[in-house]
Amino acid sequence: MGAFRQLTKMTWNQVRESGTSSGKKVGLGHTRYPHMDNLLPPQVQSTASMVGIRASDKFRIYGFHFKQVFYVLIFDQHHEQNHV
């Protein structure tokens, strides 16, 4: 829930910029996953990208943002996005 609270207080630029620091993932760790774009709904595939948000060291939330809304598609409790 803390990650969702943080998302509500930040702009998307701030979320994107919170992804790395000195080569290390920090903050929400906004990361793009182009190999997962096929999971996006067809109506947004040309305008959105699949991204991951760090909710904890191991827990990730995958989805896309469109018009200031983040749509959650996958809750990954073990950071195993490569299995998709």
C-alpha atoms as a PDB file:
ATOM      1  CA  MET A   1       0.000   0.000   0.000  1.00  0.00           C
ATOM      2  CA  GLY A   2       2.925   2.338   0.624  1.00  0.00           C
ATOM      3  CA  ALA A   3       3.864   2.265  -3.067  1.00  0.00           C
ATOM      4  CA  PHE A   4       0.331   3.253  -4.041  1.00  0.00           C
ATOM      5  CA  ARG A   5       0.381   6.102  -1.519  1.00  0.00           C
ATOM      6  CA  GLN A   6       3.663   7.313  -2.972  1.00  0.00           C
ATOM      7  CA  LEU A   7       2.259   7.152  -6.504  1.00  0.00           C
ATOM      8  CA  THR A   8      -0.629   9.440  -5.542  1.00  0.00           C
ATOM      9  CA  LYS A   9       1.786  12.116  -4.312  1.00  0.00           C
ATOM     10  CA  MET A  10       4.120  12.165  -7.343  1.00  0.00           C
ATOM     11  CA  THR A  11       3.894  13.249 -10.960  1.00  0.00           C
ATOM     12  CA  TRP A  12       4.753  10.631 -13.603  1.00  0.00           C
ATOM     13  CA  ASN A  13       8.017  12.453 -14.289  1.00  0.00           C
ATOM     14  CA  GLN A  14       8.924  12.161 -10.611  1.00  0.00           C
ATOM     15  CA  VAL A  15       8.012   8.460 -10.641  1.00  0.00           C
ATOM     16  CA  ARG A  16      10.199   7.855 -13.725  1.00  0.00           C
ATOM     17  CA  GLU A  17      13.106   9.789 -12.204  1.00  0.00           C
ATOM     18  CA  SER A  18      12.861   7.837  -8.959  1.00  0.00           C
ATOM     19  CA  GLY A  19      14.014   4.683 -10.751  1.00  0.00           C
ATOM     20  CA  THR A  20      17.789   4.776 -10.358  1.00  0.00           C
ATOM     21  CA  SER A  21      20.587   6.564  -8.575  1.00  0.00           C
ATOM     22  CA  SER A  22      24.245   5.927  -9.373  1.00  0.00           C
ATOM     23  CA  GLY A  23      23.302   2.764 -11.252  1.00  0.00           C
ATOM     24  CA  LYS A  24      21.291   1.359  -8.335  1.00  0.00           C
ATOM     25  CA  LYS A  25      17.522   1.005  -8.292  1.00  0.00           C
ATOM     26  CA  VAL A  26      15.938   3.254  -5.685  1.00  0.00           C
ATOM     27  CA  GLY A  27      12.527   4.670  -4.824  1.00  0.00           C
ATOM     28  CA  LEU A  28       9.674   3.207  -6.809  1.00  0.00           C
ATOM     29  CA  GLY A  29      12.132   1.797  -9.322  1.00  0.00           C
ATOM     30  CA  HIS A  30       9.963   2.649 -12.338  1.00  0.00           C
ATOM     31  CA  THR A  31      11.238   0.249 -15.002  1.00  0.00           C
ATOM     32  CA  ARG A  32       9.996  -0.269 -18.548  1.00  0.00           C
ATOM     33  CA  TYR A  33       9.408  -3.874 -19.700  1.00  0.00           C
ATOM     34  CA  PRO A  34       8.965  -3.839 -23.503  1.00  0.00           C
ATOM     35  CA  HIS A  35       8.876  -7.646 -23.692  1.00  0.00           C
ATOM     36  CA  MET A  36       5.598  -7.472 -21.751  1.00  0.00           C
ATOM     37  CA  ASP A  37       3.849  -4.890 -23.984  1.00  0.00           C
ATOM     38  CA  ASN A  38       1.816  -7.702 -25.541  1.00  0.00           C
ATOM     39  CA  LEU A  39      -0.113  -7.894 -22.237  1.00  0.00           C
ATOM     40  CA  LEU A  40      -1.481  -4.374 -22.722  1.00  0.00           C
ATOM     41  CA  PRO A  41      -5.094  -3.957 -23.851  1.00  0.00           C
ATOM     42  CA  PRO A  42      -5.188  -3.501 -27.662  1.00  0.00           C
ATOM     43  CA  GLN A  43      -6.757  -0.035 -27.409  1.00  0.00           C
ATOM     44  CA  VAL A  44      -3.682   1.372 -25.576  1.00  0.00           C
ATOM     45  CA  GLN A  45      -0.830  -0.659 -27.111  1.00  0.00           C
ATOM     46  CA  SER A  46       0.241   2.202 -29.380  1.00  0.00           C
ATOM     47  CA  THR A  47       0.285   4.825 -26.602  1.00  0.00           C
ATOM     48  CA  ALA A  48       1.237   2.980 -23.391  1.00  0.00           C
ATOM     49  CA  SER A  49       4.108   0.828 -22.179  1.00  0.00           C
ATOM     50  CA  MET A  50       4.254  -1.928 -19.597  1.00  0.00           C
ATOM     51  CA  VAL A  51       6.142  -0.747 -16.517  1.00  0.00           C
ATOM     52  CA  GLY A  52       7.056  -2.182 -13.152  1.00  0.00           C
ATOM     53  CA  ILE A  53       6.863  -0.306  -9.871  1.00  0.00           C
ATOM     54  CA  ARG A  54       8.793  -1.495  -6.809  1.00  0.00           C
ATOM     55  CA  ALA A  55       6.480  -2.032  -3.859  1.00  0.00           C
ATOM     56  CA  SER A  56       9.175  -3.725  -1.745  1.00  0.00           C
ATOM     57  CA  ASP A  57      12.501  -5.493  -2.245  1.00  0.00           C
ATOM     58  CA  LYS A  58      10.757  -8.500  -3.797  1.00  0.00           C
ATOM     59  CA  PHE A  59       7.211  -7.356  -4.605  1.00  0.00           C
ATOM     60  CA  ARG A  60       6.491  -5.644  -7.944  1.00  0.00           C
ATOM     61  CA  ILE A  61       3.397  -4.121  -9.464  1.00  0.00           C
ATOM     62  CA  TYR A  62       3.153  -4.245 -13.273  1.00  0.00           C
ATOM     63  CA  GLY A  63       0.814  -2.185 -15.369  1.00  0.00           C
ATOM     64  CA  PHE A  64       0.632   0.937 -17.496  1.00  0.00           C
ATOM     65  CA  HIS A  65      -0.297   4.548 -17.003  1.00  0.00           C
ATOM     66  CA  PHE A  66      -2.670   6.382 -19.271  1.00  0.00           C
ATOM     67  CA  LYS A  67      -4.028   9.887 -18.675  1.00  0.00           C
ATOM     68  CA  GLN A  68      -2.714  10.094 -15.093  1.00  0.00           C
ATOM     69  CA  VAL A  69      -4.174   6.716 -14.080  1.00  0.00           C
ATOM     70  CA  PHE A  70      -2.030   3.667 -13.331  1.00  0.00           C
ATOM     71  CA  TYR A  71      -3.745   0.450 -14.390  1.00  0.00           C
ATOM     72  CA  VAL A  72      -2.480  -2.571 -12.461  1.00  0.00           C
ATOM     73  CA  LEU A  73      -2.290  -5.751 -14.541  1.00  0.00           C
ATOM     74  CA  ILE A  74      -0.024  -8.009 -12.473  1.00  0.00           C
ATOM     75  CA  PHE A  75       0.916  -8.280  -8.799  1.00  0.00           C
ATOM     76  CA  ASP A  76       4.229 -10.147  -8.684  1.00  0.00           C
ATOM     77  CA  GLN A  77       5.064 -11.298  -5.160  1.00  0.00           C
ATOM     78  CA  HIS A  78       8.465 -12.722  -6.120  1.00  0.00           C
ATOM     79  CA  HIS A  79       9.699 -10.313  -8.841  1.00  0.00           C
ATOM     80  CA  GLU A  80       9.407 -12.994 -11.514  1.00  0.00           C
ATOM     81  CA  GLN A  81       8.249 -10.899 -14.486  1.00  0.00           C
ATOM     82  CA  ASN A  82      10.433 -12.984 -16.825  1.00  0.00           C
ATOM     83  CA  HIS A  83       8.020 -15.906 -16.557  1.00  0.00           C
ATOM     84  CA  VAL A  84       5.420 -13.967 -18.593  1.00  0.00           C
END
